[in-house]
Amino acid sequence: SSAVAALLASEGYDVVGITLQLYDHGAALEKKGACCAGTDIRDARRV
């Protein structure tokens, strides 16, 4: 999904990124290899 956002932004589209927090953010904060919680939200924000 990060590559999709970067590709469309490079083509000049008006891109808006949205990440869904789907389960307990605190409990999953450091869980890696999943999606939509913890470090993955931070990664999406950095992109």
ModelCIF file with pLDDT and N, C-alpha, C, O atoms, coordinates in Angstrom:
data_MODEL
#
_entry.id   MODEL 
#
_entity.id                         1 
_entity.type                       polymer 
_entity.pdbx_number_of_molecules   1 
#
_entity_poly.entity_id                      1 
_entity_poly.type                           'polypeptide(L)' 
_entity_poly.nstd_linkage                   no 
_entity_poly.nstd_monomer                   no 
_entity_poly.pdbx_seq_one_letter_code       SSAVAALLASEGYDVVGITLQLYDHGAALEKKGACCAGTDIRDARRV 
_entity_poly.pdbx_seq_one_letter_code_can   SSAVAALLASEGYDVVGITLQLYDHGAALEKKGACCAGTDIRDARRV 
_entity_poly.pdbx_strand_id                 A 
#
loop_
_entity_poly_seq.entity_id 
_entity_poly_seq.num 
_entity_poly_seq.mon_id 
_entity_poly_seq.hetero 
1 1  SER n 
1 2  SER n 
1 3  ALA n 
1 4  VAL n 
1 5  ALA n 
1 6  ALA n 
1 7  LEU n 
1 8  LEU n 
1 9  ALA n 
1 10 SER n 
1 11 GLU n 
1 12 GLY n 
1 13 TYR n 
1 14 ASP n 
1 15 VAL n 
1 16 VAL n 
1 17 GLY n 
1 18 ILE n 
1 19 THR n 
1 20 LEU n 
1 21 GLN n 
1 22 LEU n 
1 23 TYR n 
1 24 ASP n 
1 25 HIS n 
1 26 GLY n 
1 27 ALA n 
1 28 ALA n 
1 29 LEU n 
1 30 GLU n 
1 31 LYS n 
1 32 LYS n 
1 33 GLY n 
1 34 ALA n 
1 35 CYS n 
1 36 CYS n 
1 37 ALA n 
1 38 GLY n 
1 39 THR n 
1 40 ASP n 
1 41 ILE n 
1 42 ARG n 
1 43 ASP n 
1 44 ALA n 
1 45 ARG n 
1 46 ARG n 
1 47 VAL n 
#
_struct_asym.id          A 
_struct_asym.entity_id   1 
#
loop_
_ma_qa_metric.id 
_ma_qa_metric.mode 
_ma_qa_metric.name 
_ma_qa_metric.software_group_id 
_ma_qa_metric.type 
1 global pLDDT . pLDDT 
2 local  pLDDT . pLDDT 
#
_ma_qa_metric_global.metric_id      1 
_ma_qa_metric_global.metric_value   79.96 
_ma_qa_metric_global.model_id       1 
_ma_qa_metric_global.ordinal_id     1 
#
loop_
_ma_qa_metric_local.label_asym_id 
_ma_qa_metric_local.label_comp_id 
_ma_qa_metric_local.label_seq_id 
_ma_qa_metric_local.metric_id 
_ma_qa_metric_local.metric_value 
_ma_qa_metric_local.model_id 
_ma_qa_metric_local.ordinal_id 
A SER 1  2 96.00 1 1  
A SER 2  2 97.00 1 2  
A ALA 3  2 97.00 1 3  
A VAL 4  2 98.00 1 4  
A ALA 5  2 98.00 1 5  
A ALA 6  2 97.00 1 6  
A LEU 7  2 97.00 1 7  
A LEU 8  2 98.00 1 8  
A ALA 9  2 98.00 1 9  
A SER 10 2 97.00 1 10 
A GLU 11 2 97.00 1 11 
A GLY 12 2 97.00 1 12 
A TYR 13 2 98.00 1 13 
A ASP 14 2 98.00 1 14 
A VAL 15 2 98.00 1 15 
A VAL 16 2 98.00 1 16 
A GLY 17 2 98.00 1 17 
A ILE 18 2 97.00 1 18 
A THR 19 2 94.00 1 19 
A LEU 20 2 91.00 1 20 
A GLN 21 2 89.00 1 21 
A LEU 22 2 86.00 1 22 
A TYR 23 2 73.00 1 23 
A ASP 24 2 63.00 1 24 
A HIS 25 2 44.00 1 25 
A GLY 26 2 45.00 1 26 
A ALA 27 2 47.00 1 27 
A ALA 28 2 41.00 1 28 
A LEU 29 2 40.00 1 29 
A GLU 30 2 46.00 1 30 
A LYS 31 2 47.00 1 31 
A LYS 32 2 49.00 1 32 
A GLY 33 2 48.00 1 33 
A ALA 34 2 49.00 1 34 
A CYS 35 2 52.00 1 35 
A CYS 36 2 50.00 1 36 
A ALA 37 2 53.00 1 37 
A GLY 38 2 69.00 1 38 
A THR 39 2 83.00 1 39 
A ASP 40 2 88.00 1 40 
A ILE 41 2 91.00 1 41 
A ARG 42 2 92.00 1 42 
A ASP 43 2 94.00 1 43 
A ALA 44 2 94.00 1 44 
A ARG 45 2 95.00 1 45 
A ARG 46 2 95.00 1 46 
A VAL 47 2 96.00 1 47 
#
loop_
_atom_site.group_PDB 
_atom_site.id 
_atom_site.type_symbol 
_atom_site.label_atom_id 
_atom_site.label_alt_id 
_atom_site.label_comp_id 
_atom_site.label_asym_id 
_atom_site.label_entity_id 
_atom_site.label_seq_id 
_atom_site.pdbx_PDB_ins_code 
_atom_site.Cartn_x 
_atom_site.Cartn_y 
_atom_site.Cartn_z 
_atom_site.occupancy 
_atom_site.B_iso_or_equiv 
_atom_site.pdbx_formal_charge 
_atom_site.auth_seq_id 
_atom_site.auth_comp_id 
_atom_site.auth_asym_id 
_atom_site.auth_atom_id 
_atom_site.pdbx_PDB_model_num 
ATOM 1   N N  . SER A 1 1  ? 0.825  -1.209 0.000   1.00 96.00 ? 1  SER A N  1 
ATOM 2   C CA . SER A 1 1  ? 0.000  0.000  0.000   1.00 96.00 ? 1  SER A CA 1 
ATOM 3   C C  . SER A 1 1  ? 0.858  1.257  0.000   1.00 96.00 ? 1  SER A C  1 
ATOM 4   O O  . SER A 1 1  ? 0.455  2.278  -0.557  1.00 96.00 ? 1  SER A O  1 
ATOM 5   N N  . SER A 1 2  ? 2.041  1.197  0.621   1.00 97.00 ? 2  SER A N  1 
ATOM 6   C CA . SER A 1 2  ? 2.941  2.351  0.612   1.00 97.00 ? 2  SER A CA 1 
ATOM 7   C C  . SER A 1 2  ? 3.439  2.632  -0.800  1.00 97.00 ? 2  SER A C  1 
ATOM 8   O O  . SER A 1 2  ? 3.546  3.789  -1.208  1.00 97.00 ? 2  SER A O  1 
ATOM 9   N N  . ALA A 1 3  ? 3.747  1.561  -1.551  1.00 97.00 ? 3  ALA A N  1 
ATOM 10  C CA . ALA A 1 3  ? 4.202  1.726  -2.934  1.00 97.00 ? 3  ALA A CA 1 
ATOM 11  C C  . ALA A 1 3  ? 3.096  2.318  -3.797  1.00 97.00 ? 3  ALA A C  1 
ATOM 12  O O  . ALA A 1 3  ? 3.365  3.143  -4.671  1.00 97.00 ? 3  ALA A O  1 
ATOM 13  N N  . VAL A 1 4  ? 1.842  1.900  -3.558  1.00 98.00 ? 4  VAL A N  1 
ATOM 14  C CA . VAL A 1 4  ? 0.713  2.463  -4.298  1.00 98.00 ? 4  VAL A CA 1 
ATOM 15  C C  . VAL A 1 4  ? 0.613  3.963  -4.046  1.00 98.00 ? 4  VAL A C  1 
ATOM 16  O O  . VAL A 1 4  ? 0.479  4.745  -4.988  1.00 98.00 ? 4  VAL A O  1 
ATOM 17  N N  . ALA A 1 5  ? 0.677  4.364  -2.782  1.00 98.00 ? 5  ALA A N  1 
ATOM 18  C CA . ALA A 1 5  ? 0.582  5.784  -2.444  1.00 98.00 ? 5  ALA A CA 1 
ATOM 19  C C  . ALA A 1 5  ? 1.709  6.577  -3.091  1.00 98.00 ? 5  ALA A C  1 
ATOM 20  O O  . ALA A 1 5  ? 1.481  7.661  -3.629  1.00 98.00 ? 5  ALA A O  1 
ATOM 21  N N  . ALA A 1 6  ? 2.932  6.038  -3.039  1.00 97.00 ? 6  ALA A N  1 
ATOM 22  C CA . ALA A 1 6  ? 4.081  6.733  -3.624  1.00 97.00 ? 6  ALA A CA 1 
ATOM 23  C C  . ALA A 1 6  ? 3.953  6.845  -5.135  1.00 97.00 ? 6  ALA A C  1 
ATOM 24  O O  . ALA A 1 6  ? 4.258  7.891  -5.708  1.00 97.00 ? 6  ALA A O  1 
ATOM 25  N N  . LEU A 1 7  ? 3.508  5.783  -5.780  1.00 97.00 ? 7  LEU A N  1 
ATOM 26  C CA . LEU A 1 7  ? 3.355  5.781  -7.231  1.00 97.00 ? 7  LEU A CA 1 
ATOM 27  C C  . LEU A 1 7  ? 2.334  6.827  -7.672  1.00 97.00 ? 7  LEU A C  1 
ATOM 28  O O  . LEU A 1 7  ? 2.588  7.593  -8.601  1.00 97.00 ? 7  LEU A O  1 
ATOM 29  N N  . LEU A 1 8  ? 1.190  6.858  -7.011  1.00 98.00 ? 8  LEU A N  1 
ATOM 30  C CA . LEU A 1 8  ? 0.137  7.801  -7.394  1.00 98.00 ? 8  LEU A CA 1 
ATOM 31  C C  . LEU A 1 8  ? 0.542  9.243  -7.090  1.00 98.00 ? 8  LEU A C  1 
ATOM 32  O O  . LEU A 1 8  ? 0.230  10.154 -7.857  1.00 98.00 ? 8  LEU A O  1 
ATOM 33  N N  . ALA A 1 9  ? 1.230  9.448  -5.979  1.00 98.00 ? 9  ALA A N  1 
ATOM 34  C CA . ALA A 1 9  ? 1.708  10.795 -5.658  1.00 98.00 ? 9  ALA A CA 1 
ATOM 35  C C  . ALA A 1 9  ? 2.717  11.273 -6.698  1.00 98.00 ? 9  ALA A C  1 
ATOM 36  O O  . ALA A 1 9  ? 2.722  12.445 -7.075  1.00 98.00 ? 9  ALA A O  1 
ATOM 37  N N  . SER A 1 10 ? 3.574  10.354 -7.163  1.00 97.00 ? 10 SER A N  1 
ATOM 38  C CA . SER A 1 10 ? 4.585  10.729 -8.162  1.00 97.00 ? 10 SER A CA 1 
ATOM 39  C C  . SER A 1 10 ? 3.952  11.087 -9.504  1.00 97.00 ? 10 SER A C  1 
ATOM 40  O O  . SER A 1 10 ? 4.521  11.854 -10.281 1.00 97.00 ? 10 SER A O  1 
ATOM 41  N N  . GLU A 1 11 ? 2.763  10.522 -9.772  1.00 97.00 ? 11 GLU A N  1 
ATOM 42  C CA . GLU A 1 11 ? 2.057  10.810 -11.016 1.00 97.00 ? 11 GLU A CA 1 
ATOM 43  C C  . GLU A 1 11 ? 1.232  12.091 -10.928 1.00 97.00 ? 11 GLU A C  1 
ATOM 44  O O  . GLU A 1 11 ? 0.596  12.503 -11.899 1.00 97.00 ? 11 GLU A O  1 
ATOM 45  N N  . GLY A 1 12 ? 1.252  12.714 -9.749  1.00 97.00 ? 12 GLY A N  1 
ATOM 46  C CA . GLY A 1 12 ? 0.578  13.999 -9.594  1.00 97.00 ? 12 GLY A CA 1 
ATOM 47  C C  . GLY A 1 12 ? -0.837 13.943 -9.084  1.00 97.00 ? 12 GLY A C  1 
ATOM 48  O O  . GLY A 1 12 ? -1.528 14.962 -9.101  1.00 97.00 ? 12 GLY A O  1 
ATOM 49  N N  . TYR A 1 13 ? -1.302 12.789 -8.629  1.00 98.00 ? 13 TYR A N  1 
ATOM 50  C CA . TYR A 1 13 ? -2.660 12.688 -8.104  1.00 98.00 ? 13 TYR A CA 1 
ATOM 51  C C  . TYR A 1 13 ? -2.777 13.390 -6.744  1.00 98.00 ? 13 TYR A C  1 
ATOM 52  O O  . TYR A 1 13 ? -1.793 13.548 -6.021  1.00 98.00 ? 13 TYR A O  1 
ATOM 53  N N  . ASP A 1 14 ? -3.988 13.800 -6.424  1.00 98.00 ? 14 ASP A N  1 
ATOM 54  C CA . ASP A 1 14 ? -4.296 14.386 -5.121  1.00 98.00 ? 14 ASP A CA 1 
ATOM 55  C C  . ASP A 1 14 ? -4.527 13.228 -4.150  1.00 98.00 ? 14 ASP A C  1 
ATOM 56  O O  . ASP A 1 14 ? -5.653 12.756 -3.989  1.00 98.00 ? 14 ASP A O  1 
ATOM 57  N N  . VAL A 1 15 ? -3.465 12.783 -3.514  1.00 98.00 ? 15 VAL A N  1 
ATOM 58  C CA . VAL A 1 15 ? -3.496 11.579 -2.673  1.00 98.00 ? 15 VAL A CA 1 
ATOM 59  C C  . VAL A 1 15 ? -3.832 11.924 -1.228  1.00 98.00 ? 15 VAL A C  1 
ATOM 60  O O  . VAL A 1 15 ? -3.306 12.882 -0.660  1.00 98.00 ? 15 VAL A O  1 
ATOM 61  N N  . VAL A 1 16 ? -4.715 11.126 -0.649  1.00 98.00 ? 16 VAL A N  1 
ATOM 62  C CA . VAL A 1 16 ? -5.020 11.195 0.774   1.00 98.00 ? 16 VAL A CA 1 
ATOM 63  C C  . VAL A 1 16 ? -4.841 9.776  1.332   1.00 98.00 ? 16 VAL A C  1 
ATOM 64  O O  . VAL A 1 16 ? -5.496 8.842  0.870   1.00 98.00 ? 16 VAL A O  1 
ATOM 65  N N  . GLY A 1 17 ? -3.970 9.615  2.308   1.00 98.00 ? 17 GLY A N  1 
ATOM 66  C CA . GLY A 1 17 ? -3.752 8.303  2.914   1.00 98.00 ? 17 GLY A CA 1 
ATOM 67  C C  . GLY A 1 17 ? -4.626 8.109  4.133   1.00 98.00 ? 17 GLY A C  1 
ATOM 68  O O  . GLY A 1 17 ? -4.760 9.011  4.959   1.00 98.00 ? 17 GLY A O  1 
ATOM 69  N N  . ILE A 1 18 ? -5.222 6.934  4.249   1.00 97.00 ? 18 ILE A N  1 
ATOM 70  C CA . ILE A 1 18 ? -6.027 6.600  5.425   1.00 97.00 ? 18 ILE A CA 1 
ATOM 71  C C  . ILE A 1 18 ? -5.599 5.229  5.953   1.00 97.00 ? 18 ILE A C  1 
ATOM 72  O O  . ILE A 1 18 ? -5.499 4.255  5.207   1.00 97.00 ? 18 ILE A O  1 
ATOM 73  N N  . THR A 1 19 ? -5.353 5.191  7.248   1.00 94.00 ? 19 THR A N  1 
ATOM 74  C CA . THR A 1 19 ? -5.049 3.921  7.915   1.00 94.00 ? 19 THR A CA 1 
ATOM 75  C C  . THR A 1 19 ? -6.142 3.656  8.937   1.00 94.00 ? 19 THR A C  1 
ATOM 76  O O  . THR A 1 19 ? -6.500 4.536  9.719   1.00 94.00 ? 19 THR A O  1 
ATOM 77  N N  . LEU A 1 20 ? -6.662 2.455  8.925   1.00 91.00 ? 20 LEU A N  1 
ATOM 78  C CA . LEU A 1 20 ? -7.688 2.062  9.883   1.00 91.00 ? 20 LEU A CA 1 
ATOM 79  C C  . LEU A 1 20 ? -7.049 1.393  11.085  1.00 91.00 ? 20 LEU A C  1 
ATOM 80  O O  . LEU A 1 20 ? -6.336 0.400  10.946  1.00 91.00 ? 20 LEU A O  1 
ATOM 81  N N  . GLN A 1 21 ? -7.305 1.936  12.256  1.00 89.00 ? 21 GLN A N  1 
ATOM 82  C CA . GLN A 1 21 ? -6.886 1.260  13.486  1.00 89.00 ? 21 GLN A CA 1 
ATOM 83  C C  . GLN A 1 21 ? -7.973 0.253  13.822  1.00 89.00 ? 21 GLN A C  1 
ATOM 84  O O  . GLN A 1 21 ? -9.081 0.625  14.207  1.00 89.00 ? 21 GLN A O  1 
ATOM 85  N N  . LEU A 1 22 ? -7.647 -1.028 13.673  1.00 86.00 ? 22 LEU A N  1 
ATOM 86  C CA . LEU A 1 22 ? -8.672 -2.057 13.734  1.00 86.00 ? 22 LEU A CA 1 
ATOM 87  C C  . LEU A 1 22 ? -8.741 -2.821 15.049  1.00 86.00 ? 22 LEU A C  1 
ATOM 88  O O  . LEU A 1 22 ? -9.769 -3.420 15.365  1.00 86.00 ? 22 LEU A O  1 
ATOM 89  N N  . TYR A 1 23 ? -7.667 -2.805 15.811  1.00 73.00 ? 23 TYR A N  1 
ATOM 90  C CA . TYR A 1 23 ? -7.724 -3.490 17.096  1.00 73.00 ? 23 TYR A CA 1 
ATOM 91  C C  . TYR A 1 23 ? -6.808 -2.781 18.065  1.00 73.00 ? 23 TYR A C  1 
ATOM 92  O O  . TYR A 1 23 ? -6.058 -1.885 17.676  1.00 73.00 ? 23 TYR A O  1 
ATOM 93  N N  . ASP A 1 24 ? -6.861 -3.174 19.323  1.00 63.00 ? 24 ASP A N  1 
ATOM 94  C CA . ASP A 1 24 ? -6.280 -2.408 20.425  1.00 63.00 ? 24 ASP A CA 1 
ATOM 95  C C  . ASP A 1 24 ? -4.882 -1.888 20.136  1.00 63.00 ? 24 ASP A C  1 
ATOM 96  O O  . ASP A 1 24 ? -3.927 -2.652 19.999  1.00 63.00 ? 24 ASP A O  1 
ATOM 97  N N  . HIS A 1 25 ? -4.789 -0.575 20.049  1.00 44.00 ? 25 HIS A N  1 
ATOM 98  C CA . HIS A 1 25 ? -3.519 0.059  19.685  1.00 44.00 ? 25 HIS A CA 1 
ATOM 99  C C  . HIS A 1 25 ? -2.457 -0.178 20.756  1.00 44.00 ? 25 HIS A C  1 
ATOM 100 O O  . HIS A 1 25 ? -1.298 -0.442 20.434  1.00 44.00 ? 25 HIS A O  1 
ATOM 101 N N  . GLY A 1 26 ? -2.846 -0.085 22.024  1.00 45.00 ? 26 GLY A N  1 
ATOM 102 C CA . GLY A 1 26 ? -1.864 -0.265 23.089  1.00 45.00 ? 26 GLY A CA 1 
ATOM 103 C C  . GLY A 1 26 ? -1.331 -1.684 23.146  1.00 45.00 ? 26 GLY A C  1 
ATOM 104 O O  . GLY A 1 26 ? -0.122 -1.893 23.247  1.00 45.00 ? 26 GLY A O  1 
ATOM 105 N N  . ALA A 1 27 ? -2.226 -2.658 23.083  1.00 47.00 ? 27 ALA A N  1 
ATOM 106 C CA . ALA A 1 27 ? -1.807 -4.054 23.184  1.00 47.00 ? 27 ALA A CA 1 
ATOM 107 C C  . ALA A 1 27 ? -0.961 -4.481 22.005  1.00 47.00 ? 27 ALA A C  1 
ATOM 108 O O  . ALA A 1 27 ? -0.106 -5.358 22.134  1.00 47.00 ? 27 ALA A O  1 
ATOM 109 N N  . ALA A 1 28 ? -1.195 -3.862 20.849  1.00 41.00 ? 28 ALA A N  1 
ATOM 110 C CA . ALA A 1 28 ? -0.498 -4.286 19.636  1.00 41.00 ? 28 ALA A CA 1 
ATOM 111 C C  . ALA A 1 28 ? 0.606  -3.331 19.215  1.00 41.00 ? 28 ALA A C  1 
ATOM 112 O O  . ALA A 1 28 ? 1.114  -3.423 18.097  1.00 41.00 ? 28 ALA A O  1 
ATOM 113 N N  . LEU A 1 29 ? 0.981  -2.411 20.102  1.00 40.00 ? 29 LEU A N  1 
ATOM 114 C CA . LEU A 1 29 ? 1.872  -1.324 19.728  1.00 40.00 ? 29 LEU A CA 1 
ATOM 115 C C  . LEU A 1 29 ? 3.163  -1.793 19.089  1.00 40.00 ? 29 LEU A C  1 
ATOM 116 O O  . LEU A 1 29 ? 3.625  -1.202 18.113  1.00 40.00 ? 29 LEU A O  1 
ATOM 117 N N  . GLU A 1 30 ? 3.747  -2.848 19.628  1.00 46.00 ? 30 GLU A N  1 
ATOM 118 C CA . GLU A 1 30 ? 5.033  -3.304 19.094  1.00 46.00 ? 30 GLU A CA 1 
ATOM 119 C C  . GLU A 1 30 ? 4.909  -4.559 18.251  1.00 46.00 ? 30 GLU A C  1 
ATOM 120 O O  . GLU A 1 30 ? 5.917  -5.155 17.870  1.00 46.00 ? 30 GLU A O  1 
ATOM 121 N N  . LYS A 1 31 ? 3.689  -4.965 17.958  1.00 47.00 ? 31 LYS A N  1 
ATOM 122 C CA . LYS A 1 31 ? 3.508  -6.172 17.141  1.00 47.00 ? 31 LYS A CA 1 
ATOM 123 C C  . LYS A 1 31 ? 3.901  -5.888 15.705  1.00 47.00 ? 31 LYS A C  1 
ATOM 124 O O  . LYS A 1 31 ? 3.401  -4.942 15.097  1.00 47.00 ? 31 LYS A O  1 
ATOM 125 N N  . LYS A 1 32 ? 4.787  -6.693 15.162  1.00 49.00 ? 32 LYS A N  1 
ATOM 126 C CA . LYS A 1 32 ? 5.220  -6.516 13.788  1.00 49.00 ? 32 LYS A CA 1 
ATOM 127 C C  . LYS A 1 32 ? 4.620  -7.609 12.906  1.00 49.00 ? 32 LYS A C  1 
ATOM 128 O O  . LYS A 1 32 ? 4.181  -8.651 13.392  1.00 49.00 ? 32 LYS A O  1 
ATOM 129 N N  . GLY A 1 33 ? 4.612  -7.348 11.602  1.00 48.00 ? 33 GLY A N  1 
ATOM 130 C CA . GLY A 1 33 ? 4.148  -8.355 10.653  1.00 48.00 ? 33 GLY A CA 1 
ATOM 131 C C  . GLY A 1 33 ? 2.648  -8.494 10.598  1.00 48.00 ? 33 GLY A C  1 
ATOM 132 O O  . GLY A 1 33 ? 2.135  -9.486 10.080  1.00 48.00 ? 33 GLY A O  1 
ATOM 133 N N  . ALA A 1 34 ? 1.932  -7.512 11.125  1.00 49.00 ? 34 ALA A N  1 
ATOM 134 C CA . ALA A 1 34 ? 0.478  -7.541 11.025  1.00 49.00 ? 34 ALA A CA 1 
ATOM 135 C C  . ALA A 1 34 ? 0.054  -6.370 10.153  1.00 49.00 ? 34 ALA A C  1 
ATOM 136 O O  . ALA A 1 34 ? 0.777  -5.993 9.231   1.00 49.00 ? 34 ALA A O  1 
ATOM 137 N N  . CYS A 1 35 ? -1.103 -5.791 10.431  1.00 52.00 ? 35 CYS A N  1 
ATOM 138 C CA . CYS A 1 35 ? -1.485 -4.562 9.738   1.00 52.00 ? 35 CYS A CA 1 
ATOM 139 C C  . CYS A 1 35 ? -2.453 -3.810 10.614  1.00 52.00 ? 35 CYS A C  1 
ATOM 140 O O  . CYS A 1 35 ? -3.125 -4.382 11.472  1.00 52.00 ? 35 CYS A O  1 
ATOM 141 N N  . CYS A 1 36 ? -2.512 -2.504 10.378  1.00 50.00 ? 36 CYS A N  1 
ATOM 142 C CA . CYS A 1 36 ? -3.547 -1.671 10.972  1.00 50.00 ? 36 CYS A CA 1 
ATOM 143 C C  . CYS A 1 36 ? -3.452 -1.535 12.486  1.00 50.00 ? 36 CYS A C  1 
ATOM 144 O O  . CYS A 1 36 ? -4.476 -1.378 13.151  1.00 50.00 ? 36 CYS A O  1 
ATOM 145 N N  . ALA A 1 37 ? -2.260 -1.592 13.037  1.00 53.00 ? 37 ALA A N  1 
ATOM 146 C CA . ALA A 1 37 ? -2.059 -1.334 14.467  1.00 53.00 ? 37 ALA A CA 1 
ATOM 147 C C  . ALA A 1 37 ? -0.580 -1.111 14.714  1.00 53.00 ? 37 ALA A C  1 
ATOM 148 O O  . ALA A 1 37 ? 0.265  -1.494 13.905  1.00 53.00 ? 37 ALA A O  1 
ATOM 149 N N  . GLY A 1 38 ? -0.276 -0.482 15.851  1.00 69.00 ? 38 GLY A N  1 
ATOM 150 C CA . GLY A 1 38 ? 1.084  -0.381 16.338  1.00 69.00 ? 38 GLY A CA 1 
ATOM 151 C C  . GLY A 1 38 ? 2.088  0.211  15.378  1.00 69.00 ? 38 GLY A C  1 
ATOM 152 O O  . GLY A 1 38 ? 1.864  1.278  14.807  1.00 69.00 ? 38 GLY A O  1 
ATOM 153 N N  . THR A 1 39 ? 3.201  -0.488 15.203  1.00 83.00 ? 39 THR A N  1 
ATOM 154 C CA . THR A 1 39 ? 4.292  0.008  14.365  1.00 83.00 ? 39 THR A CA 1 
ATOM 155 C C  . THR A 1 39 ? 3.842  0.233  12.926  1.00 83.00 ? 39 THR A C  1 
ATOM 156 O O  . THR A 1 39 ? 4.422  1.062  12.225  1.00 83.00 ? 39 THR A O  1 
ATOM 157 N N  . ASP A 1 40 ? 2.829  -0.484 12.480  1.00 88.00 ? 40 ASP A N  1 
ATOM 158 C CA . ASP A 1 40 ? 2.375  -0.341 11.103  1.00 88.00 ? 40 ASP A CA 1 
ATOM 159 C C  . ASP A 1 40 ? 1.696  1.004  10.865  1.00 88.00 ? 40 ASP A C  1 
ATOM 160 O O  . ASP A 1 40 ? 1.815  1.578  9.783   1.00 88.00 ? 40 ASP A O  1 
ATOM 161 N N  . ILE A 1 41 ? 0.986  1.505  11.870  1.00 91.00 ? 41 ILE A N  1 
ATOM 162 C CA . ILE A 1 41 ? 0.393  2.834  11.763  1.00 91.00 ? 41 ILE A CA 1 
ATOM 163 C C  . ILE A 1 41 ? 1.499  3.881  11.681  1.00 91.00 ? 41 ILE A C  1 
ATOM 164 O O  . ILE A 1 41 ? 1.418  4.824  10.894  1.00 91.00 ? 41 ILE A O  1 
ATOM 165 N N  . ARG A 1 42 ? 2.513  3.709  12.488  1.00 92.00 ? 42 ARG A N  1 
ATOM 166 C CA . ARG A 1 42 ? 3.631  4.656  12.454  1.00 92.00 ? 42 ARG A CA 1 
ATOM 167 C C  . ARG A 1 42 ? 4.337  4.612  11.101  1.00 92.00 ? 42 ARG A C  1 
ATOM 168 O O  . ARG A 1 42 ? 4.734  5.649  10.571  1.00 92.00 ? 42 ARG A O  1 
ATOM 169 N N  . ASP A 1 43 ? 4.492  3.402  10.540  1.00 94.00 ? 43 ASP A N  1 
ATOM 170 C CA . ASP A 1 43 ? 5.144  3.282  9.228   1.00 94.00 ? 43 ASP A CA 1 
ATOM 171 C C  . ASP A 1 43 ? 4.341  3.998  8.147   1.00 94.00 ? 43 ASP A C  1 
ATOM 172 O O  . ASP A 1 43 ? 4.916  4.675  7.296   1.00 94.00 ? 43 ASP A O  1 
ATOM 173 N N  . ALA A 1 44 ? 3.016  3.854  8.173   1.00 94.00 ? 44 ALA A N  1 
ATOM 174 C CA . ALA A 1 44 ? 2.167  4.519  7.187   1.00 94.00 ? 44 ALA A CA 1 
ATOM 175 C C  . ALA A 1 44 ? 2.290  6.032  7.323   1.00 94.00 ? 44 ALA A C  1 
ATOM 176 O O  . ALA A 1 44 ? 2.352  6.753  6.327   1.00 94.00 ? 44 ALA A O  1 
ATOM 177 N N  . ARG A 1 45 ? 2.323  6.503  8.560   1.00 95.00 ? 45 ARG A N  1 
ATOM 178 C CA . ARG A 1 45 ? 2.433  7.945  8.787   1.00 95.00 ? 45 ARG A CA 1 
ATOM 179 C C  . ARG A 1 45 ? 3.762  8.479  8.253   1.00 95.00 ? 45 ARG A C  1 
ATOM 180 O O  . ARG A 1 45 ? 3.808  9.555  7.656   1.00 95.00 ? 45 ARG A O  1 
ATOM 181 N N  . ARG A 1 46 ? 4.841  7.724  8.469   1.00 95.00 ? 46 ARG A N  1 
ATOM 182 C CA . ARG A 1 46 ? 6.165  8.163  7.981   1.00 95.00 ? 46 ARG A CA 1 
ATOM 183 C C  . ARG A 1 46 ? 6.181  8.262  6.454   1.00 95.00 ? 46 ARG A C  1 
ATOM 184 O O  . ARG A 1 46 ? 6.741  9.203  5.893   1.00 95.00 ? 46 ARG A O  1 
ATOM 185 N N  . VAL A 1 47 ? 5.563  7.284  5.788   1.00 96.00 ? 47 VAL A N  1 
ATOM 186 C CA . VAL A 1 47 ? 5.529  7.305  4.321   1.00 96.00 ? 47 VAL A CA 1 
ATOM 187 C C  . VAL A 1 47 ? 4.795  8.552  3.841   1.00 96.00 ? 47 VAL A C  1 
ATOM 188 O O  . VAL A 1 47 ? 4.656  8.761  2.635   1.00 96.00 ? 47 VAL A O  1 
#
